[in-house]
């Protein structure tokens, strides 16, 4: 096996890539990564320079790993700016760095994908060796692998990488027949709260539409993008993604998209876009141009829970952060990132920092679990 580096998804066959990636995790599909590049959302100009790695056995693609050369830390959801500052204080350059991640997407998934017959550890070792060699040649400080699934994080730990832990909040479907069935698992106070929040929506004259990707009209896509953009503008920043990205994924992988639109007086007022995996719904983008009581909870969370229950999906990953999700039945889970730092002095310092941070994350997760709204079992 040998490693080949490409700087565009157009340089790898879509069918061969997707044969390995599958469609269980939509963000690894060739169509998704291609849309990021072809829309210009990901490029050298935006600080995300594609540098994907392919593992070839003669002419056959046997493994791949998304890879980007990063010149900043925006859009990653694992914050290492303090590490970059420490480098600057020592007169060293932290950027550029290598990053294996799905751009702007803090959702756990496989980060190194190989065919069933390949030895996964051998593939990881091969790719890591290639990255280290490239880093020496190009004077690159580090490699970071964000939001890998747990067993891949453990593989990287076994190869000497430092592992960083974080916490997100996910909802799990425990065989509920409908939303009311889920409500019966909650304590009386939280059950009343969720019912009240859902009732408030109808009392305000707001209705919700759940539309499968292929059925979304151009007008509805325009409304969604307006809301998505406003979410960033309210914070004084520009959105990472542009209309061309959404147009392309609508055309190439619409069957894995779910749009929720909130309507009042025949006008769209809010929207949330999710991606559909094999057993997971991934809530990704939201926005509104009118503020209404409980509108965010209904559009972003409760409609997603309804969809998961109706379609037998086992999990709802609604994105990073959000302690307000706990009261609505979203449970704390551990996320991972893996870090190889070329400079041994910084590698040791960051390793010590992560040991303390991991203990803090574990305590935070334990504490968050005490606020879950479920009835206490006897």
Protein backbone atom coordinates (compact mmCIF):
# COMPACT_ATOMS: atom_id res chain seq x y z
CA UNK A 1 0.00 0.00 0.00
CA UNK A 2 1.14 3.54 -0.68
CA UNK A 3 -0.24 6.97 0.22
CA UNK A 4 -1.29 9.49 -2.40
CA UNK A 5 -2.20 13.10 -1.64
CA UNK A 6 -4.81 15.03 -3.63
CA UNK A 7 -5.85 18.67 -3.44
CA UNK A 8 -9.39 18.26 -4.76
CA UNK A 9 -12.21 15.74 -4.48
CA UNK A 10 -12.38 15.80 -8.29
CA UNK A 11 -9.13 13.79 -8.28
CA UNK A 12 -10.72 10.71 -6.73
CA UNK A 13 -13.47 8.62 -8.27
CA UNK A 14 -16.82 9.31 -6.61
CA UNK A 15 -17.98 5.69 -6.80
CA UNK A 16 -14.76 4.31 -5.31
CA UNK A 17 -14.84 6.86 -2.48
CA UNK A 18 -18.50 6.27 -1.65
CA UNK A 19 -18.05 2.49 -1.80
CA UNK A 20 -15.85 2.88 1.28
CA UNK A 21 -17.71 5.80 2.88
CA UNK A 22 -21.25 4.48 2.50
CA UNK A 23 -24.13 6.76 3.39
CA UNK A 24 -24.56 5.97 7.09
CA UNK A 25 -22.60 9.12 7.96
CA UNK A 26 -23.57 11.73 5.34
CA UNK A 27 -20.65 14.13 5.95
CA UNK A 28 -18.10 11.69 4.51
CA UNK A 29 -19.92 11.31 1.23
CA UNK A 30 -18.03 12.46 -1.86
CA UNK A 31 -20.99 14.71 -2.67
CA UNK A 32 -20.79 16.58 0.64
CA UNK A 33 -17.04 17.19 0.58
CA UNK A 34 -17.17 18.09 -3.10
CA UNK A 35 -19.90 20.67 -2.48
CA UNK A 36 -17.73 22.33 0.16
CA UNK A 37 -14.88 22.64 -2.33
CA UNK A 38 -16.80 23.49 -5.48
CA UNK A 39 -18.86 26.17 -3.73
CA UNK A 40 -15.68 27.83 -2.50
CA UNK A 41 -16.72 27.39 1.14
CA UNK A 42 -13.54 25.34 1.58
CA UNK A 43 -10.44 26.58 -0.21
CA UNK A 44 -6.98 28.01 0.32
CA UNK A 45 -8.63 31.46 0.35
CA UNK A 46 -10.87 30.53 3.31
CA UNK A 47 -7.98 28.90 5.17
CA UNK A 48 -9.15 25.32 4.49
CA UNK A 49 -6.80 23.96 1.85
CA UNK A 50 -7.81 20.42 0.77
CA UNK A 51 -4.99 17.89 1.07
CA UNK A 52 -6.84 14.57 1.33
CA UNK A 53 -4.93 11.30 1.67
CA UNK A 54 -5.71 8.16 -0.30
CA UNK A 55 -4.26 4.73 0.43
CA UNK A 56 -3.83 2.83 -2.81
CA UNK A 57 -3.05 -0.81 -3.50
CA UNK A 58 -1.90 -0.52 -7.10
CA UNK A 59 -4.97 1.06 -8.75
CA UNK A 60 -7.47 0.23 -6.00
CA UNK A 61 -8.57 2.71 -3.34
CA UNK A 62 -8.36 0.81 -0.05
CA UNK A 63 -8.57 3.69 2.45
CA UNK A 64 -8.91 7.46 2.68
CA UNK A 65 -8.69 10.29 5.20
CA UNK A 66 -10.00 13.84 4.74
CA UNK A 67 -7.19 16.30 5.39
CA UNK A 68 -6.87 20.07 5.28
CA UNK A 69 -3.99 22.48 5.66
CA UNK A 70 -5.27 25.10 8.11
CA UNK A 71 -3.97 28.62 8.64
CA UNK A 72 -6.38 29.44 11.47
CA UNK A 73 -8.64 27.57 13.90
CA UNK A 74 -12.06 28.84 12.85
CA UNK A 75 -14.92 26.46 12.12
CA UNK A 76 -13.43 23.56 14.09
CA UNK A 77 -15.38 23.47 17.42
CA UNK A 78 -12.28 22.17 19.24
CA UNK A 79 -10.52 25.24 20.52
CA UNK A 80 -6.73 25.38 20.34
CA UNK A 81 -6.17 29.14 20.03
CA UNK A 82 -4.38 29.16 23.40
CA UNK A 83 -1.89 26.65 21.98
CA UNK A 84 -1.27 28.95 19.02
CA UNK A 85 -0.74 31.86 21.41
CA UNK A 86 1.81 29.83 23.40
CA UNK A 87 3.72 29.17 20.15
CA UNK A 88 3.70 32.89 19.33
CA UNK A 89 5.04 33.75 22.77
CA UNK A 90 8.01 31.49 22.05
CA UNK A 91 8.57 33.02 18.63
CA UNK A 92 7.31 29.89 16.83
CA UNK A 93 4.62 29.31 14.21
CA UNK A 94 1.65 27.13 15.10
CA UNK A 95 0.08 27.66 11.68
CA UNK A 96 -0.12 26.10 9.22
CA UNK A 97 -1.29 22.86 10.79
CA UNK A 98 -2.82 19.65 9.43
CA UNK A 99 -6.46 19.02 10.26
CA UNK A 100 -8.53 15.89 9.74
CA UNK A 101 -12.13 16.92 10.27
CA UNK A 102 -15.38 17.61 8.48
CA UNK A 103 -15.33 21.38 7.96
CA UNK A 104 -17.78 23.30 10.16
CA UNK A 105 -19.29 20.02 11.40
CA UNK A 106 -18.84 18.97 15.06
CA UNK A 107 -20.43 15.55 14.55
CA UNK A 108 -18.63 12.34 15.56
CA UNK A 109 -17.84 9.87 12.81
CA UNK A 110 -15.10 7.79 11.24
CA UNK A 111 -12.15 9.91 10.16
CA UNK A 112 -10.07 7.16 8.53
CA UNK A 113 -12.09 4.80 6.34
CA UNK A 114 -10.72 1.56 4.92
CA UNK A 115 -12.05 -1.50 3.14
CA UNK A 116 -12.98 -4.45 5.31
CA UNK A 117 -9.99 -6.55 4.22
CA UNK A 118 -7.45 -3.89 5.26
CA UNK A 119 -5.85 -3.87 8.72
CA UNK A 120 -7.16 -0.62 10.26
CA UNK A 121 -4.17 -0.12 12.56
CA UNK A 122 -1.74 -0.68 9.68
CA UNK A 123 -3.62 1.95 7.64
CA UNK A 124 -3.54 4.46 10.51
CA UNK A 125 0.20 3.87 11.03
CA UNK A 126 0.85 4.36 7.32
CA UNK A 127 -1.08 7.63 7.22
CA UNK A 128 0.49 8.96 10.41
CA UNK A 129 3.97 8.21 9.09
CA UNK A 130 3.13 10.05 5.87
CA UNK A 131 1.86 13.09 7.81
CA UNK A 132 5.01 13.21 9.96
CA UNK A 133 7.22 13.06 6.88
CA UNK A 134 5.23 15.83 5.18
CA UNK A 135 5.38 17.95 8.32
CA UNK A 136 9.17 17.75 8.36
CA UNK A 137 9.39 18.59 4.68
CA UNK A 138 6.98 21.54 4.85
CA UNK A 139 7.68 22.77 8.39
CA UNK A 140 4.15 22.13 9.66
CA UNK A 141 3.66 22.15 13.40
CA UNK A 142 1.04 19.49 14.08
CA UNK A 143 -1.81 17.22 13.04
CA UNK A 144 -5.24 17.26 14.66
CA UNK A 145 -8.04 14.73 14.18
CA UNK A 146 -11.39 16.11 15.38
CA UNK A 147 -14.50 14.19 16.45
CA UNK A 148 -13.38 10.66 15.52
CA UNK A 149 -15.42 7.75 16.79
CA UNK A 150 -14.13 6.34 20.07
CA UNK A 151 -12.27 3.30 18.77
CA UNK A 152 -10.33 5.44 16.28
CA UNK A 153 -9.41 7.83 19.08
CA UNK A 154 -8.11 4.84 21.03
CA UNK A 155 -6.11 3.67 18.01
CA UNK A 156 -4.46 7.08 17.82
CA UNK A 157 -3.83 7.08 21.56
CA UNK A 158 -2.03 3.74 21.17
CA UNK A 159 0.25 5.39 18.60
CA UNK A 160 1.29 8.11 21.03
CA UNK A 161 -1.14 10.93 20.20
CA UNK A 162 -2.67 13.06 22.93
CA UNK A 163 -6.43 12.64 23.28
CA UNK A 164 -8.68 15.53 24.18
CA UNK A 165 -12.19 14.96 25.51
CA UNK A 166 -15.27 17.14 25.24
CA UNK A 167 -18.97 16.87 26.02
CA UNK A 168 -22.01 17.15 23.78
CA UNK A 169 -25.68 16.41 24.39
CA UNK A 170 -27.46 13.77 22.29
CA UNK A 171 -30.97 12.36 22.46
CA UNK A 172 -31.48 8.59 22.36
CA UNK A 173 -34.56 6.80 21.08
CA UNK A 174 -35.44 4.00 23.49
CA UNK A 175 -38.14 2.46 21.37
CA UNK A 176 -40.69 5.25 21.82
CA UNK A 177 -43.98 4.86 19.94
CA UNK A 178 -44.60 8.60 19.73
CA UNK A 179 -43.60 11.87 21.40
CA UNK A 180 -46.09 11.33 24.23
CA UNK A 181 -44.47 7.97 24.94
CA UNK A 182 -41.16 9.81 25.37
CA UNK A 183 -42.83 12.37 27.62
CA UNK A 184 -43.96 9.62 29.98
CA UNK A 185 -40.33 8.90 30.84
CA UNK A 186 -39.83 12.45 32.18
CA UNK A 187 -40.52 13.71 35.67
CA UNK A 188 -43.74 15.66 36.11
CA UNK A 189 -42.14 19.14 36.07
CA UNK A 190 -40.20 18.65 32.85
CA UNK A 191 -43.09 16.81 31.19
CA UNK A 192 -45.32 19.84 31.83
CA UNK A 193 -42.61 22.18 30.55
CA UNK A 194 -42.26 20.37 27.21
CA UNK A 195 -46.02 20.18 26.77
CA UNK A 196 -46.31 23.89 27.53
CA UNK A 197 -43.56 24.76 25.04
CA UNK A 198 -45.20 22.78 22.26
CA UNK A 199 -48.61 24.24 23.11
CA UNK A 200 -47.19 27.77 22.94
CA UNK A 201 -46.30 27.23 19.30
CA UNK A 202 -49.87 26.59 18.20
CA UNK A 203 -51.21 29.33 20.50
CA UNK A 204 -49.00 31.83 18.65
CA UNK A 205 -50.38 30.71 15.31
CA UNK A 206 -47.17 28.99 14.23
CA UNK A 207 -47.24 25.72 12.29
CA UNK A 208 -44.34 23.49 11.30
CA UNK A 209 -43.55 21.79 8.00
CA UNK A 210 -41.15 18.85 7.71
CA UNK A 211 -40.01 18.58 4.11
CA UNK A 212 -37.80 15.87 2.60
CA UNK A 213 -34.81 17.28 0.73
CA UNK A 214 -35.98 16.38 -2.79
CA UNK A 215 -39.30 18.15 -2.16
CA UNK A 216 -37.88 21.48 -0.99
CA UNK A 217 -38.72 24.26 -3.45
CA UNK A 218 -36.32 26.98 -4.58
CA UNK A 219 -38.32 29.54 -2.60
CA UNK A 220 -38.01 27.40 0.52
CA UNK A 221 -34.25 27.03 0.03
CA UNK A 222 -33.96 30.82 -0.32
CA UNK A 223 -35.93 31.31 2.89
CA UNK A 224 -33.74 28.79 4.71
CA UNK A 225 -30.52 30.46 3.56
CA UNK A 226 -31.81 33.85 4.69
CA UNK A 227 -32.43 32.47 8.18
CA UNK A 228 -29.09 30.63 8.25
CA UNK A 229 -27.24 33.84 7.31
CA UNK A 230 -29.04 35.87 9.96
CA UNK A 231 -27.79 33.51 12.68
CA UNK A 232 -24.23 34.62 11.87
CA UNK A 233 -25.02 38.28 11.21
CA UNK A 234 -26.61 38.59 14.65
CA UNK A 235 -23.23 37.61 16.10
CA UNK A 236 -21.37 40.06 13.88
CA UNK A 237 -19.81 37.40 11.63
CA UNK A 238 -20.22 35.99 8.15
CA UNK A 239 -21.59 32.49 7.45
CA UNK A 240 -19.15 29.73 6.59
CA UNK A 241 -21.37 28.32 3.83
CA UNK A 242 -22.88 29.97 0.77
CA UNK A 243 -25.98 29.37 -1.39
CA UNK A 244 -23.96 27.36 -3.93
CA UNK A 245 -23.11 24.78 -1.25
CA UNK A 246 -26.75 24.23 -0.31
CA UNK A 247 -27.84 24.17 -3.95
CA UNK A 248 -25.28 21.47 -4.69
CA UNK A 249 -26.11 19.17 -1.77
CA UNK A 250 -29.81 19.60 -2.55
CA UNK A 251 -29.11 18.36 -6.07
CA UNK A 252 -26.65 15.55 -5.21
CA UNK A 253 -27.74 14.17 -1.81
CA UNK A 254 -31.21 15.56 -1.22
CA UNK A 255 -32.46 12.19 0.04
CA UNK A 256 -30.37 12.72 3.18
CA UNK A 257 -31.71 16.18 3.95
CA UNK A 258 -34.64 17.21 6.13
CA UNK A 259 -35.85 20.81 6.23
CA UNK A 260 -38.13 22.04 9.00
CA UNK A 261 -39.90 25.32 8.25
CA UNK A 262 -41.92 27.37 10.73
CA UNK A 263 -44.85 29.24 9.19
CA UNK A 264 -46.99 32.06 10.55
CA UNK A 265 -49.69 33.86 8.57
CA UNK A 266 -48.51 32.19 5.37
CA UNK A 267 -44.95 33.47 5.88
CA UNK A 268 -41.81 31.48 6.65
CA UNK A 269 -40.32 32.74 9.91
CA UNK A 270 -37.70 30.11 10.86
CA UNK A 271 -36.00 26.98 9.58
CA UNK A 272 -33.72 24.14 10.63
CA UNK A 273 -31.82 21.82 8.30
CA UNK A 274 -30.81 18.30 9.36
CA UNK A 275 -28.94 15.43 7.72
CA UNK A 276 -30.24 11.87 7.87
CA UNK A 277 -27.83 9.02 8.61
CA UNK A 278 -28.45 5.31 8.92
CA UNK A 279 -29.48 5.49 12.57
CA UNK A 280 -28.89 9.14 13.48
CA UNK A 281 -30.43 12.49 12.67
CA UNK A 282 -27.85 15.29 12.61
CA UNK A 283 -29.26 18.74 13.33
CA UNK A 284 -26.96 21.26 11.67
CA UNK A 285 -28.24 24.73 10.71
CA UNK A 286 -30.93 27.01 12.10
CA UNK A 287 -32.13 30.58 11.87
CA UNK A 288 -35.18 32.83 12.20
CA UNK A 289 -36.29 36.37 11.44
CA UNK A 290 -38.99 36.49 14.13
CA UNK A 291 -38.59 35.62 17.80
CA UNK A 292 -41.43 33.59 19.30
CA UNK A 293 -41.74 31.72 22.59
CA UNK A 294 -40.28 28.18 22.25
CA UNK A 295 -39.77 28.55 18.49
CA UNK A 296 -36.14 27.41 18.68
CA UNK A 297 -36.99 24.37 20.81
CA UNK A 298 -39.81 23.29 18.49
CA UNK A 299 -37.99 23.86 15.21
CA UNK A 300 -34.58 22.52 16.20
CA UNK A 301 -35.39 19.81 18.76
CA UNK A 302 -38.98 18.60 19.05
CA UNK A 303 -39.54 18.26 15.31
CA UNK A 304 -36.30 16.26 15.15
CA UNK A 305 -37.42 13.99 18.00
CA UNK A 306 -40.72 13.41 16.23
CA UNK A 307 -38.86 12.49 13.05
CA UNK A 308 -36.51 10.07 14.84
CA UNK A 309 -39.43 8.31 16.54
CA UNK A 310 -41.50 8.09 13.36
CA UNK A 311 -38.58 6.73 11.29
CA UNK A 312 -36.92 4.52 13.89
CA UNK A 313 -33.69 6.51 14.13
CA UNK A 314 -31.80 5.73 17.31
CA UNK A 315 -30.09 9.03 18.02
CA UNK A 316 -30.46 12.76 17.50
CA UNK A 317 -27.15 14.64 17.37
CA UNK A 318 -28.21 18.28 17.45
CA UNK A 319 -24.73 19.79 17.39
CA UNK A 320 -22.25 21.29 19.81
CA UNK A 321 -22.91 23.00 23.13
CA UNK A 322 -26.35 23.72 24.57
CA UNK A 323 -26.84 22.88 28.24
CA UNK A 324 -30.51 23.83 27.78
CA UNK A 325 -30.87 20.51 25.94
CA UNK A 326 -30.43 18.55 29.19
CA UNK A 327 -33.86 19.51 30.52
CA UNK A 328 -35.34 18.25 27.24
CA UNK A 329 -33.89 14.76 27.49
CA UNK A 330 -30.56 15.18 25.70
CA UNK A 331 -27.88 13.20 27.53
CA UNK A 332 -24.18 14.12 27.96
CA UNK A 333 -21.81 12.08 25.80
CA UNK A 334 -18.02 12.19 25.44
CA UNK A 335 -16.42 13.46 22.24
CA UNK A 336 -12.78 13.03 21.27
CA UNK A 337 -10.01 14.68 19.33
CA UNK A 338 -6.45 13.43 18.76
CA UNK A 339 -3.35 15.64 18.51
CA UNK A 340 0.17 15.06 17.26
CA UNK A 341 2.54 17.91 18.07
CA UNK A 342 5.90 17.84 16.30
CA UNK A 343 7.79 19.91 18.90
CA UNK A 344 8.45 17.59 21.86
CA UNK A 345 8.45 20.42 24.39
CA UNK A 346 5.01 21.59 23.34
CA UNK A 347 3.78 18.00 22.99
CA UNK A 348 4.62 17.35 26.65
CA UNK A 349 3.12 20.67 27.82
CA UNK A 350 -0.12 20.09 25.88
CA UNK A 351 -0.26 16.50 27.14
CA UNK A 352 -0.09 17.74 30.75
CA UNK A 353 -2.79 20.32 30.04
CA UNK A 354 -5.07 17.68 28.54
CA UNK A 355 -4.76 15.38 31.58
CA UNK A 356 -6.19 18.11 33.79
CA UNK A 357 -8.79 19.11 31.22
CA UNK A 358 -9.99 15.52 30.84
CA UNK A 359 -10.65 15.26 34.56
CA UNK A 360 -12.60 18.52 34.42
CA UNK A 361 -14.63 17.24 31.45
CA UNK A 362 -15.45 13.99 33.22
CA UNK A 363 -16.63 15.84 36.31
CA UNK A 364 -18.70 18.18 34.13
CA UNK A 365 -20.30 15.24 32.36
CA UNK A 366 -21.14 13.55 35.66
CA UNK A 367 -22.64 16.78 36.99
CA UNK A 368 -24.67 17.35 33.81
CA UNK A 369 -26.15 13.87 34.11
CA UNK A 370 -27.60 14.75 37.52
CA UNK A 371 -29.86 17.32 35.83
CA UNK A 372 -31.43 14.87 33.38
CA UNK A 373 -35.24 15.06 33.51
CA UNK A 374 -36.01 11.34 33.54
CA UNK A 375 -38.05 9.72 36.28
CA UNK A 376 -35.99 8.04 38.96
CA UNK A 377 -36.21 4.26 38.79
CA UNK A 378 -37.25 2.53 41.98
